[in-house]
Amino acid sequence: MKTFIGIDIGSLATKIVLLSDGKMLDHRTERSTYDFKKIGHNLFDDLLEKNNLKKSDVYVMSTGYGRNTIDIADDRVTEITAHAKGTQYFFPDVHSVIDIGGQDSKAIVISKKTGNVVDFQMNDKIS
């Protein structure tokens, strides 16, 4: 059984999900606050405790604005790549994504052949 934890540390909210064999087992969402590392660790520790797991039981991937602040991640990926891979997996016929986030918005075009990002446009924060 392969068990994964994904942590998306966005500018406004931090989301964490526990996956095993392609199924979502648990998740949490909290306001990010100013301390990305602390909120990421708090959600991570809570998820492990509630599911009777240890860090060594899971592979951790982080994404989002604060992805580099979380030292428990085994790997990191941009949210643009995460959107493309997630879309390809769950909705293989979809080839574009619009992400309206707390700091910016992104329009992402995904290759029909490979599922990789072909192009993207991003705007700055709207005041």
Foldseek 3Di string as FASTA:
>chain_A
DAKAKEWAQEQFKIKIFIDDPRDTDDIDMDTCPPQNQVVVVVRVVVVCVVVVHDLVRYAYEYEYPCRVSHPSHPYYDYVLFVVLVVCCVPPLVDFWDWADGDFKIKIFGADNVPSGTPDMDIDGGDD
